[in-house]
Amino acid sequence: MLLFLLSQSHHKEHEEDTHRIIVSEKASERPLTSLLNMEDEVFDQIVSVFNSLVAWVAAGAIMFGGVVPYIPQYRDIRRTQNAEGFSTYVCLVLLVANILRILFRFGRYFETPLLWQSIIMIGTMLTMLNLCTNVRMATELNTKRRSFIDFDWSYFWSWSYFVDYVLCVLSFTAVAAYITYLLLDSALFVETLGFLAVFTEAMLGTPQLYCNYQNKSTEGMSIKMVLMWTSGDTFKTGYFLLTQAPVQFWTCGLLQVFVDIAILFQVYYYSRYPQKPVSHTVSHTTSAKAL
C-alpha cells in the first residue's frame, strides 16, 4: 500500500513538472508570435500606402497629363502673338469628345479621374480658344466681325469673339444633354455615345498622319511631340485596361497608339527614303493633341 501511494505521488509530481514545462514553452512562444504578427501588420500597411500612392500618381497623370502639350503651345502663342501654327479645330474636336464623354457617364459609370480629365480638358481648350481669338483679332486686318448667331457656315468656328465659341459649346451641350436624357434608357444609345466620345478623340492624330502622307515628308513636325503622344497614349490605354474601363475607352486608346506609331514610322520612312528634295527653309507648323 505504501509503495502504491509513493508511486502515485511520484507520477503526480511528474505530470505537474510536465505541465509547467509546457506552460513555460507556450509563454515563451507568445512574444515571438506577437512580434511576427506585428511585422506582418506593418508590412501590410506599407504595401497599402504604396499602392495608394501609386494609384494617386496614376490618377493625377490621367487627369492632368492631357493638358501638358498645350502649356508650351500656350506660352509660345503669347510670346509671339501668332496663333497661325495652332489649329482651333483641335479645340473643337476635344470639346466635342469630352462633352460626350461626360454625358456618357450618366449612362455608364467609369473612373472619377477620367471624369476630371474631361472637365480639365474642356477648361484647357476654352482657354486656348480665348487666347487664339484675342491674338487673331489683334492682328487681323479684316474689320468685319463674324458671330455665331449669324449662322454663316462658311465662317463656322472662325468667329471674332470668344463669347461666340462659348455660345456654340453651350448650345451643343444643351442639345446633346437633352437627347441623352430622352434616350438614357437605351443601352444601344449609351454605348454608341461612349464610342463616339472616345473615337472622336482617337482620330485627332489622323490629320497629321494624312498631312505627312500628302507632303511625302515629316518636315516641320516635332518628333519629340510625337514621342510624347505615344508615351501618353500608351500609359492612358494601360490605365484603361487595369481599371477595367468600358471597352470603348481602351479600344480607341489602342487606336490612338496605332496612329502614333504610324506617324513615327513615317518619320523613319521619309528620312530613310526621301520622297522630295529637302528644303533649306523649314516651315514649322505646330500640331496639338491630347494624351
C-alpha atoms as a PDB file:
ATOM      1  CA  MET A   1       0.000   0.000   0.000  1.00  0.00           C
ATOM      2  CA  LEU A   2       2.798   2.375   0.882  1.00  0.00           C
ATOM      3  CA  LEU A   3       4.586   1.615  -2.356  1.00  0.00           C
ATOM      4  CA  PHE A   4       1.417   2.318  -4.296  1.00  0.00           C
ATOM      5  CA  LEU A   5       0.966   5.715  -2.619  1.00  0.00           C
ATOM      6  CA  LEU A   6       4.595   6.625  -3.267  1.00  0.00           C
ATOM      7  CA  SER A   7       4.198   5.640  -6.916  1.00  0.00           C
ATOM      8  CA  GLN A   8       1.076   7.753  -7.302  1.00  0.00           C
ATOM      9  CA  SER A   9       2.739  10.748  -5.652  1.00  0.00           C
ATOM     10  CA  HIS A  10       5.769  10.459  -7.949  1.00  0.00           C
ATOM     11  CA  HIS A  11       3.545  10.187 -11.032  1.00  0.00           C
ATOM     12  CA  LYS A  12       1.562  13.265  -9.978  1.00  0.00           C
ATOM     13  CA  GLU A  13       4.750  15.266  -9.431  1.00  0.00           C
ATOM     14  CA  HIS A  14       5.961  14.232 -12.915  1.00  0.00           C
ATOM     15  CA  GLU A  15       2.688  15.393 -14.504  1.00  0.00           C
ATOM     16  CA  GLU A  16       2.923  18.730 -12.724  1.00  0.00           C
ATOM     17  CA  ASP A  17       6.510  19.202 -13.907  1.00  0.00           C
ATOM     18  CA  THR A  18       5.485  18.383 -17.492  1.00  0.00           C
ATOM     19  CA  HIS A  19       2.585  20.841 -17.303  1.00  0.00           C
ATOM     20  CA  ARG A  20       4.872  23.578 -16.002  1.00  0.00           C
ATOM     21  CA  ILE A  21       7.312  22.971 -18.855  1.00  0.00           C
ATOM     22  CA  ILE A  22       4.530  23.147 -21.482  1.00  0.00           C
ATOM     23  CA  VAL A  23       3.132  26.335 -19.958  1.00  0.00           C
ATOM     24  CA  SER A  24       6.620  27.823 -19.885  1.00  0.00           C
ATOM     25  CA  GLU A  25       7.217  26.935 -23.542  1.00  0.00           C
ATOM     26  CA  LYS A  26       3.886  28.457 -24.594  1.00  0.00           C
ATOM     27  CA  ALA A  27       4.646  31.587 -22.619  1.00  0.00           C
ATOM     28  CA  SER A  28       8.000  31.913 -24.385  1.00  0.00           C
ATOM     29  CA  GLU A  29       6.348  31.441 -27.816  1.00  0.00           C
ATOM     30  CA  ARG A  30       3.814  34.258 -27.283  1.00  0.00           C
ATOM     31  CA  PRO A  31       6.260  37.188 -27.657  1.00  0.00           C
ATOM     32  CA  LEU A  32       7.677  35.636 -30.860  1.00  0.00           C
ATOM     33  CA  THR A  33       4.199  35.131 -32.334  1.00  0.00           C
ATOM     34  CA  SER A  34       3.172  38.661 -31.397  1.00  0.00           C
ATOM     35  CA  LEU A  35       6.335  40.037 -32.987  1.00  0.00           C
ATOM     36  CA  LEU A  36       5.692  38.139 -36.216  1.00  0.00           C
ATOM     37  CA  ASN A  37       2.079  39.342 -36.323  1.00  0.00           C
ATOM     38  CA  MET A  38       3.225  42.914 -35.742  1.00  0.00           C
ATOM     39  CA  GLU A  39       5.746  42.661 -38.574  1.00  0.00           C
ATOM     40  CA  ASP A  40       3.034  41.339 -40.909  1.00  0.00           C
ATOM     41  CA  GLU A  41       0.734  44.218 -39.998  1.00  0.00           C
ATOM     42  CA  VAL A  42       3.485  46.792 -40.595  1.00  0.00           C
ATOM     43  CA  PHE A  43       4.324  45.212 -43.964  1.00  0.00           C
ATOM     44  CA  ASP A  44       0.655  45.199 -44.995  1.00  0.00           C
ATOM     45  CA  GLN A  45       0.363  48.873 -44.035  1.00  0.00           C
ATOM     46  CA  ILE A  46       3.465  49.759 -46.069  1.00  0.00           C
ATOM     47  CA  VAL A  47       2.105  47.891 -49.105  1.00  0.00           C
ATOM     48  CA  SER A  48      -1.270  49.587 -48.688  1.00  0.00           C
ATOM     49  CA  VAL A  49       0.315  53.046 -48.505  1.00  0.00           C
ATOM     50  CA  PHE A  50       2.495  52.303 -51.544  1.00  0.00           C
ATOM     51  CA  ASN A  51      -0.497  51.077 -53.568  1.00  0.00           C
ATOM     52  CA  SER A  52      -2.474  54.174 -52.605  1.00  0.00           C
ATOM     53  CA  LEU A  53       0.447  56.412 -53.599  1.00  0.00           C
ATOM     54  CA  VAL A  54       0.769  54.692 -56.989  1.00  0.00           C
ATOM     55  CA  ALA A  55      -2.986  54.995 -57.531  1.00  0.00           C
ATOM     56  CA  TRP A  56      -2.916  58.730 -56.718  1.00  0.00           C
ATOM     57  CA  VAL A  57       0.038  59.336 -59.029  1.00  0.00           C
ATOM     58  CA  ALA A  58      -1.630  57.414 -61.850  1.00  0.00           C
ATOM     59  CA  ALA A  59      -4.894  59.282 -61.337  1.00  0.00           C
ATOM     60  CA  GLY A  60      -3.068  62.619 -61.344  1.00  0.00           C
ATOM     61  CA  ALA A  61      -1.247  61.714 -64.543  1.00  0.00           C
ATOM     62  CA  ILE A  62      -4.542  60.764 -66.181  1.00  0.00           C
ATOM     63  CA  MET A  63      -6.268  63.982 -65.083  1.00  0.00           C
ATOM     64  CA  PHE A  64      -3.520  66.448 -65.975  1.00  0.00           C
ATOM     65  CA  GLY A  65      -1.369  64.584 -68.492  1.00  0.00           C
ATOM     66  CA  GLY A  66      -3.594  65.526 -71.431  1.00  0.00           C
ATOM     67  CA  VAL A  67      -3.066  69.262 -70.969  1.00  0.00           C
ATOM     68  CA  VAL A  68       0.745  69.152 -70.753  1.00  0.00           C
ATOM     69  CA  PRO A  69       1.376  69.536 -74.527  1.00  0.00           C
ATOM     70  CA  TYR A  70      -0.706  72.707 -74.586  1.00  0.00           C
ATOM     71  CA  ILE A  71       1.331  74.515 -71.928  1.00  0.00           C
ATOM     72  CA  PRO A  72       4.322  75.248 -74.215  1.00  0.00           C
ATOM     73  CA  GLN A  73       1.885  75.918 -77.065  1.00  0.00           C
ATOM     74  CA  TYR A  74       0.021  78.489 -74.976  1.00  0.00           C
ATOM     75  CA  ARG A  75       3.246  80.182 -73.876  1.00  0.00           C
ATOM     76  CA  ASP A  76       4.556  80.270 -77.441  1.00  0.00           C
ATOM     77  CA  ILE A  77       1.397  81.949 -78.758  1.00  0.00           C
ATOM     78  CA  ARG A  78       1.514  84.537 -76.008  1.00  0.00           C
ATOM     79  CA  ARG A  79       5.192  85.205 -76.620  1.00  0.00           C
ATOM     80  CA  THR A  80       4.977  85.511 -80.415  1.00  0.00           C
ATOM     81  CA  GLN A  81       1.415  86.875 -80.619  1.00  0.00           C
ATOM     82  CA  ASN A  82       0.921  84.492 -83.525  1.00  0.00           C
ATOM     83  CA  ALA A  83      -1.672  81.702 -83.444  1.00  0.00           C
ATOM     84  CA  GLU A  84      -1.408  80.563 -87.077  1.00  0.00           C
ATOM     85  CA  GLY A  85       0.506  77.430 -86.161  1.00  0.00           C
ATOM     86  CA  PHE A  86      -2.250  76.141 -83.891  1.00  0.00           C
ATOM     87  CA  SER A  87      -5.490  74.842 -85.402  1.00  0.00           C
ATOM     88  CA  THR A  88      -8.537  75.776 -83.345  1.00  0.00           C
ATOM     89  CA  TYR A  89     -10.280  72.734 -84.856  1.00  0.00           C
ATOM     90  CA  VAL A  90      -8.212  70.692 -82.410  1.00  0.00           C
ATOM     91  CA  CYS A  91     -10.105  72.519 -79.659  1.00  0.00           C
ATOM     92  CA  LEU A  92     -13.400  71.754 -81.386  1.00  0.00           C
ATOM     93  CA  VAL A  93     -12.668  68.036 -81.600  1.00  0.00           C
ATOM     94  CA  LEU A  94     -11.569  67.809 -77.983  1.00  0.00           C
ATOM     95  CA  LEU A  95     -14.512  69.846 -76.706  1.00  0.00           C
ATOM     96  CA  VAL A  96     -16.989  67.585 -78.520  1.00  0.00           C
ATOM     97  CA  ALA A  97     -15.204  64.413 -77.404  1.00  0.00           C
ATOM     98  CA  ASN A  98     -15.046  65.381 -73.737  1.00  0.00           C
ATOM     99  CA  ILE A  99     -18.611  66.712 -73.554  1.00  0.00           C
ATOM    100  CA  LEU A 100     -19.857  63.435 -74.994  1.00  0.00           C
ATOM    101  CA  ARG A 101     -17.705  61.503 -72.528  1.00  0.00           C
ATOM    102  CA  ILE A 102     -19.223  63.366 -69.565  1.00  0.00           C
ATOM    103  CA  LEU A 103     -22.738  62.639 -70.858  1.00  0.00           C
ATOM    104  CA  PHE A 104     -21.756  59.006 -71.345  1.00  0.00           C
ATOM    105  CA  ARG A 105     -21.029  58.728 -67.625  1.00  0.00           C
ATOM    106  CA  PHE A 106     -24.724  59.262 -66.832  1.00  0.00           C
ATOM    107  CA  GLY A 107     -25.475  56.002 -68.616  1.00  0.00           C
ATOM    108  CA  ARG A 108     -22.322  54.020 -67.889  1.00  0.00           C
ATOM    109  CA  TYR A 109     -20.109  54.581 -64.860  1.00  0.00           C
ATOM    110  CA  PHE A 110     -16.365  54.969 -65.298  1.00  0.00           C
ATOM    111  CA  GLU A 111     -13.499  56.045 -63.049  1.00  0.00           C
ATOM    112  CA  THR A 112     -13.720  59.516 -61.479  1.00  0.00           C
ATOM    113  CA  PRO A 113     -10.207  60.563 -62.686  1.00  0.00           C
ATOM    114  CA  LEU A 114     -11.441  60.121 -66.249  1.00  0.00           C
ATOM    115  CA  LEU A 115     -14.354  62.456 -65.494  1.00  0.00           C
ATOM    116  CA  TRP A 116     -11.990  65.082 -64.108  1.00  0.00           C
ATOM    117  CA  GLN A 117      -9.746  64.613 -67.135  1.00  0.00           C
ATOM    118  CA  SER A 118     -12.642  65.640 -69.372  1.00  0.00           C
ATOM    119  CA  ILE A 119     -13.538  68.641 -67.216  1.00  0.00           C
ATOM    120  CA  ILE A 120      -9.923  69.853 -67.105  1.00  0.00           C
ATOM    121  CA  MET A 121      -9.517  69.349 -70.859  1.00  0.00           C
ATOM    122  CA  ILE A 122     -12.665  71.373 -71.595  1.00  0.00           C
ATOM    123  CA  GLY A 123     -11.319  74.223 -69.479  1.00  0.00           C
ATOM    124  CA  THR A 124      -7.953  73.994 -71.241  1.00  0.00           C
ATOM    125  CA  MET A 125      -9.481  74.118 -74.713  1.00  0.00           C
ATOM    126  CA  LEU A 126     -11.628  77.120 -73.814  1.00  0.00           C
ATOM    127  CA  THR A 127      -8.512  78.859 -72.518  1.00  0.00           C
ATOM    128  CA  MET A 128      -6.682  78.125 -75.759  1.00  0.00           C
ATOM    129  CA  LEU A 129      -9.642  79.400 -77.790  1.00  0.00           C
ATOM    130  CA  ASN A 130      -9.742  82.616 -75.784  1.00  0.00           C
ATOM    131  CA  LEU A 131      -6.041  83.265 -76.401  1.00  0.00           C
ATOM    132  CA  CYS A 132      -6.170  82.385 -80.103  1.00  0.00           C
ATOM    133  CA  THR A 133      -9.232  84.568 -80.700  1.00  0.00           C
ATOM    134  CA  ASN A 134      -7.681  87.580 -78.969  1.00  0.00           C
ATOM    135  CA  VAL A 135      -4.394  87.196 -80.856  1.00  0.00           C
ATOM    136  CA  ARG A 136      -6.090  86.695 -84.203  1.00  0.00           C
ATOM    137  CA  MET A 137      -8.379  89.687 -83.779  1.00  0.00           C
ATOM    138  CA  ALA A 138      -5.463  91.881 -82.752  1.00  0.00           C
ATOM    139  CA  THR A 139      -3.586  91.078 -85.971  1.00  0.00           C
ATOM    140  CA  GLU A 140      -6.460  90.630 -88.427  1.00  0.00           C
ATOM    141  CA  LEU A 141      -6.887  93.401 -90.990  1.00  0.00           C
ATOM    142  CA  ASN A 142     -10.476  92.489 -91.831  1.00  0.00           C
ATOM    143  CA  THR A 143     -12.745  94.798 -89.865  1.00  0.00           C
ATOM    144  CA  LYS A 144     -15.865  92.711 -90.441  1.00  0.00           C
ATOM    145  CA  ARG A 145     -16.802  90.825 -87.313  1.00  0.00           C
ATOM    146  CA  ARG A 146     -18.230  87.335 -87.598  1.00  0.00           C
ATOM    147  CA  SER A 147     -20.608  85.943 -84.996  1.00  0.00           C
ATOM    148  CA  PHE A 148     -22.088  82.585 -84.073  1.00  0.00           C
ATOM    149  CA  ILE A 149     -25.629  83.934 -84.305  1.00  0.00           C
ATOM    150  CA  ASP A 150     -25.030  84.873 -87.963  1.00  0.00           C
ATOM    151  CA  PHE A 151     -25.341  81.137 -88.721  1.00  0.00           C
ATOM    152  CA  ASP A 152     -22.954  81.510 -91.637  1.00  0.00           C
ATOM    153  CA  TRP A 153     -21.440  78.056 -92.109  1.00  0.00           C
ATOM    154  CA  SER A 154     -18.630  79.415 -94.273  1.00  0.00           C
ATOM    155  CA  TYR A 155     -17.222  81.028 -91.123  1.00  0.00           C
ATOM    156  CA  PHE A 156     -18.012  78.208 -88.726  1.00  0.00           C
ATOM    157  CA  TRP A 157     -15.505  78.084 -85.868  1.00  0.00           C
ATOM    158  CA  SER A 158     -13.804  81.223 -87.184  1.00  0.00           C
ATOM    159  CA  TRP A 159     -15.718  83.796 -85.193  1.00  0.00           C
ATOM    160  CA  SER A 160     -14.429  87.110 -83.968  1.00  0.00           C
ATOM    161  CA  TYR A 161     -15.184  86.890 -80.282  1.00  0.00           C
ATOM    162  CA  PHE A 162     -14.568  84.244 -77.657  1.00  0.00           C
ATOM    163  CA  VAL A 163     -18.150  84.517 -76.401  1.00  0.00           C
ATOM    164  CA  ASP A 164     -19.354  83.081 -79.745  1.00  0.00           C
ATOM    165  CA  TYR A 165     -17.358  79.917 -79.139  1.00  0.00           C
ATOM    166  CA  VAL A 166     -18.817  79.660 -75.655  1.00  0.00           C
ATOM    167  CA  LEU A 167     -22.352  80.039 -77.059  1.00  0.00           C
ATOM    168  CA  CYS A 168     -21.665  77.284 -79.588  1.00  0.00           C
ATOM    169  CA  VAL A 169     -20.303  74.945 -76.926  1.00  0.00           C
ATOM    170  CA  LEU A 170     -23.247  75.619 -74.618  1.00  0.00           C
ATOM    171  CA  SER A 171     -25.726  75.063 -77.457  1.00  0.00           C
ATOM    172  CA  PHE A 172     -24.121  71.767 -78.398  1.00  0.00           C
ATOM    173  CA  THR A 173     -24.036  70.676 -74.750  1.00  0.00           C
ATOM    174  CA  ALA A 174     -27.709  71.554 -74.250  1.00  0.00           C
ATOM    175  CA  VAL A 175     -28.847  69.650 -77.349  1.00  0.00           C
ATOM    176  CA  ALA A 176     -26.653  66.625 -76.603  1.00  0.00           C
ATOM    177  CA  ALA A 177     -27.768  66.568 -72.950  1.00  0.00           C
ATOM    178  CA  TYR A 178     -31.451  66.737 -73.953  1.00  0.00           C
ATOM    179  CA  ILE A 179     -31.077  63.851 -76.416  1.00  0.00           C
ATOM    180  CA  THR A 180     -29.160  61.870 -73.807  1.00  0.00           C
ATOM    181  CA  TYR A 181     -31.916  62.491 -71.248  1.00  0.00           C
ATOM    182  CA  LEU A 182     -34.547  61.180 -73.671  1.00  0.00           C
ATOM    183  CA  LEU A 183     -32.604  58.079 -74.712  1.00  0.00           C
ATOM    184  CA  LEU A 184     -30.729  57.299 -71.498  1.00  0.00           C
ATOM    185  CA  ASP A 185     -32.690  54.053 -71.010  1.00  0.00           C
ATOM    186  CA  SER A 186     -31.481  52.739 -74.346  1.00  0.00           C
ATOM    187  CA  ALA A 187     -28.368  50.619 -73.884  1.00  0.00           C
ATOM    188  CA  LEU A 188     -27.579  50.928 -77.600  1.00  0.00           C
ATOM    189  CA  PHE A 189     -27.637  54.730 -77.430  1.00  0.00           C
ATOM    190  CA  VAL A 190     -25.446  54.832 -74.321  1.00  0.00           C
ATOM    191  CA  GLU A 191     -22.839  52.524 -75.820  1.00  0.00           C
ATOM    192  CA  THR A 192     -22.889  54.473 -79.091  1.00  0.00           C
ATOM    193  CA  LEU A 193     -22.449  57.719 -77.178  1.00  0.00           C
ATOM    194  CA  GLY A 194     -19.418  56.349 -75.383  1.00  0.00           C
ATOM    195  CA  PHE A 195     -17.920  55.083 -78.610  1.00  0.00           C
ATOM    196  CA  LEU A 196     -18.408  58.433 -80.365  1.00  0.00           C
ATOM    197  CA  ALA A 197     -16.732  60.234 -77.457  1.00  0.00           C
ATOM    198  CA  VAL A 198     -13.531  58.225 -77.443  1.00  0.00           C
ATOM    199  CA  PHE A 199     -13.470  57.607 -81.211  1.00  0.00           C
ATOM    200  CA  THR A 200     -13.579  61.358 -81.892  1.00  0.00           C
ATOM    201  CA  GLU A 201     -10.582  61.872 -79.615  1.00  0.00           C
ATOM    202  CA  ALA A 202      -8.782  58.858 -81.069  1.00  0.00           C
ATOM    203  CA  MET A 203      -8.983  60.337 -84.568  1.00  0.00           C
ATOM    204  CA  LEU A 204      -7.218  63.517 -83.511  1.00  0.00           C
ATOM    205  CA  GLY A 205      -3.832  62.328 -84.804  1.00  0.00           C
ATOM    206  CA  THR A 206      -5.055  61.356 -88.274  1.00  0.00           C
ATOM    207  CA  PRO A 207      -4.863  64.886 -89.790  1.00  0.00           C
ATOM    208  CA  GLN A 208      -1.117  64.940 -89.065  1.00  0.00           C
ATOM    209  CA  LEU A 209      -0.784  61.429 -90.483  1.00  0.00           C
ATOM    210  CA  TYR A 210      -2.601  62.433 -93.669  1.00  0.00           C
ATOM    211  CA  CYS A 211      -0.662  65.687 -93.946  1.00  0.00           C
ATOM    212  CA  ASN A 212       2.635  63.788 -93.790  1.00  0.00           C
ATOM    213  CA  TYR A 213       1.380  61.398 -96.467  1.00  0.00           C
ATOM    214  CA  GLN A 214       0.356  64.250 -98.765  1.00  0.00           C
ATOM    215  CA  ASN A 215       3.661  66.060 -98.347  1.00  0.00           C
ATOM    216  CA  LYS A 216       5.660  62.821 -98.528  1.00  0.00           C
ATOM    217  CA  SER A 217       7.685  64.298 -95.677  1.00  0.00           C
ATOM    218  CA  THR A 218       7.599  64.987 -91.962  1.00  0.00           C
ATOM    219  CA  GLU A 219       9.351  68.362 -92.201  1.00  0.00           C
ATOM    220  CA  GLY A 220       8.131  70.879 -89.654  1.00  0.00           C
ATOM    221  CA  MET A 221       6.765  68.218 -87.311  1.00  0.00           C
ATOM    222  CA  SER A 222       8.283  67.833 -83.859  1.00  0.00           C
ATOM    223  CA  ILE A 223       9.440  64.258 -83.301  1.00  0.00           C
ATOM    224  CA  LYS A 224       9.631  64.909 -79.547  1.00  0.00           C
ATOM    225  CA  MET A 225       5.967  65.859 -79.577  1.00  0.00           C
ATOM    226  CA  VAL A 226       5.012  62.612 -81.333  1.00  0.00           C
ATOM    227  CA  LEU A 227       7.043  60.632 -78.812  1.00  0.00           C
ATOM    228  CA  MET A 228       5.147  62.443 -76.054  1.00  0.00           C
ATOM    229  CA  TRP A 229       1.862  61.493 -77.715  1.00  0.00           C
ATOM    230  CA  THR A 230       2.928  57.862 -77.945  1.00  0.00           C
ATOM    231  CA  SER A 231       4.040  57.579 -74.325  1.00  0.00           C
ATOM    232  CA  GLY A 232       0.927  59.377 -73.070  1.00  0.00           C
ATOM    233  CA  ASP A 233      -1.485  57.294 -75.149  1.00  0.00           C
ATOM    234  CA  THR A 234       0.282  54.081 -74.123  1.00  0.00           C
ATOM    235  CA  PHE A 235       0.039  54.997 -70.444  1.00  0.00           C
ATOM    236  CA  LYS A 236      -3.597  56.004 -70.836  1.00  0.00           C
ATOM    237  CA  THR A 237      -4.517  52.762 -72.611  1.00  0.00           C
ATOM    238  CA  GLY A 238      -2.760  50.731 -69.924  1.00  0.00           C
ATOM    239  CA  TYR A 239      -4.694  52.650 -67.262  1.00  0.00           C
ATOM    240  CA  PHE A 240      -7.961  51.862 -69.056  1.00  0.00           C
ATOM    241  CA  LEU A 241      -7.124  48.160 -69.093  1.00  0.00           C
ATOM    242  CA  LEU A 242      -6.000  47.999 -65.449  1.00  0.00           C
ATOM    243  CA  THR A 243      -9.053  49.878 -64.141  1.00  0.00           C
ATOM    244  CA  GLN A 244     -11.414  47.816 -66.326  1.00  0.00           C
ATOM    245  CA  ALA A 245     -12.783  50.929 -68.032  1.00  0.00           C
ATOM    246  CA  PRO A 246     -15.576  50.459 -70.601  1.00  0.00           C
ATOM    247  CA  VAL A 247     -14.454  48.687 -73.756  1.00  0.00           C
ATOM    248  CA  GLN A 248     -14.847  51.854 -75.841  1.00  0.00           C
ATOM    249  CA  PHE A 249     -12.089  53.547 -73.846  1.00  0.00           C
ATOM    250  CA  TRP A 250      -9.294  51.024 -74.261  1.00  0.00           C
ATOM    251  CA  THR A 251     -10.270  50.095 -77.831  1.00  0.00           C
ATOM    252  CA  CYS A 252      -9.929  53.678 -79.009  1.00  0.00           C
ATOM    253  CA  GLY A 253      -6.855  54.077 -76.808  1.00  0.00           C
ATOM    254  CA  LEU A 254      -5.229  51.283 -78.784  1.00  0.00           C
ATOM    255  CA  LEU A 255      -6.279  53.066 -81.971  1.00  0.00           C
ATOM    256  CA  GLN A 256      -4.540  56.245 -80.758  1.00  0.00           C
ATOM    257  CA  VAL A 257      -1.350  54.299 -80.071  1.00  0.00           C
ATOM    258  CA  PHE A 258      -1.560  52.775 -83.541  1.00  0.00           C
ATOM    259  CA  VAL A 259      -1.863  56.226 -85.159  1.00  0.00           C
ATOM    260  CA  ASP A 260       1.097  57.489 -83.108  1.00  0.00           C
ATOM    261  CA  ILE A 261       3.222  54.526 -84.171  1.00  0.00           C
ATOM    262  CA  ALA A 262       2.191  55.069 -87.791  1.00  0.00           C
ATOM    263  CA  ILE A 263       3.394  58.696 -87.581  1.00  0.00           C
ATOM    264  CA  LEU A 264       6.691  57.546 -86.079  1.00  0.00           C
ATOM    265  CA  PHE A 265       7.043  55.067 -88.930  1.00  0.00           C
ATOM    266  CA  GLN A 266       6.522  57.962 -91.356  1.00  0.00           C
ATOM    267  CA  VAL A 267       9.390  59.787 -89.648  1.00  0.00           C
ATOM    268  CA  TYR A 268      11.658  56.792 -90.208  1.00  0.00           C
ATOM    269  CA  TYR A 269      10.469  56.057 -93.750  1.00  0.00           C
ATOM    270  CA  TYR A 270      10.618  59.583 -95.154  1.00  0.00           C
ATOM    271  CA  SER A 271      14.016  60.221 -93.561  1.00  0.00           C
ATOM    272  CA  ARG A 272      15.390  56.946 -94.913  1.00  0.00           C
ATOM    273  CA  TYR A 273      13.711  57.213 -98.325  1.00  0.00           C
ATOM    274  CA  PRO A 274      13.176  60.920 -99.085  1.00  0.00           C
ATOM    275  CA  GLN A 275      10.279  61.470-101.485  1.00  0.00           C
ATOM    276  CA  LYS A 276      11.121  65.094-102.333  1.00  0.00           C
ATOM    277  CA  PRO A 277      14.132  67.415-102.031  1.00  0.00           C
ATOM    278  CA  VAL A 278      14.701  68.696 -98.518  1.00  0.00           C
ATOM    279  CA  SER A 279      14.186  72.460 -98.420  1.00  0.00           C
ATOM    280  CA  HIS A 280      16.661  74.689 -96.629  1.00  0.00           C
ATOM    281  CA  THR A 281      13.845  76.736 -95.122  1.00  0.00           C
ATOM    282  CA  VAL A 282      11.585  74.661 -92.979  1.00  0.00           C
ATOM    283  CA  SER A 283       8.168  75.987 -92.172  1.00  0.00           C
ATOM    284  CA  HIS A 284       7.444  74.809 -88.650  1.00  0.00           C
ATOM    285  CA  THR A 285       3.808  74.009 -88.185  1.00  0.00           C
ATOM    286  CA  THR A 286       2.790  73.194 -84.656  1.00  0.00           C
ATOM    287  CA  SER A 287       0.304  70.449 -84.100  1.00  0.00           C
ATOM    288  CA  ALA A 288      -1.500  69.810 -80.841  1.00  0.00           C
ATOM    289  CA  LYS A 289      -3.039  66.679 -79.491  1.00  0.00           C
ATOM    290  CA  ALA A 290      -4.498  65.235 -76.174  1.00  0.00           C
ATOM    291  CA  LEU A 291      -2.607  62.485 -74.393  1.00  0.00           C
END
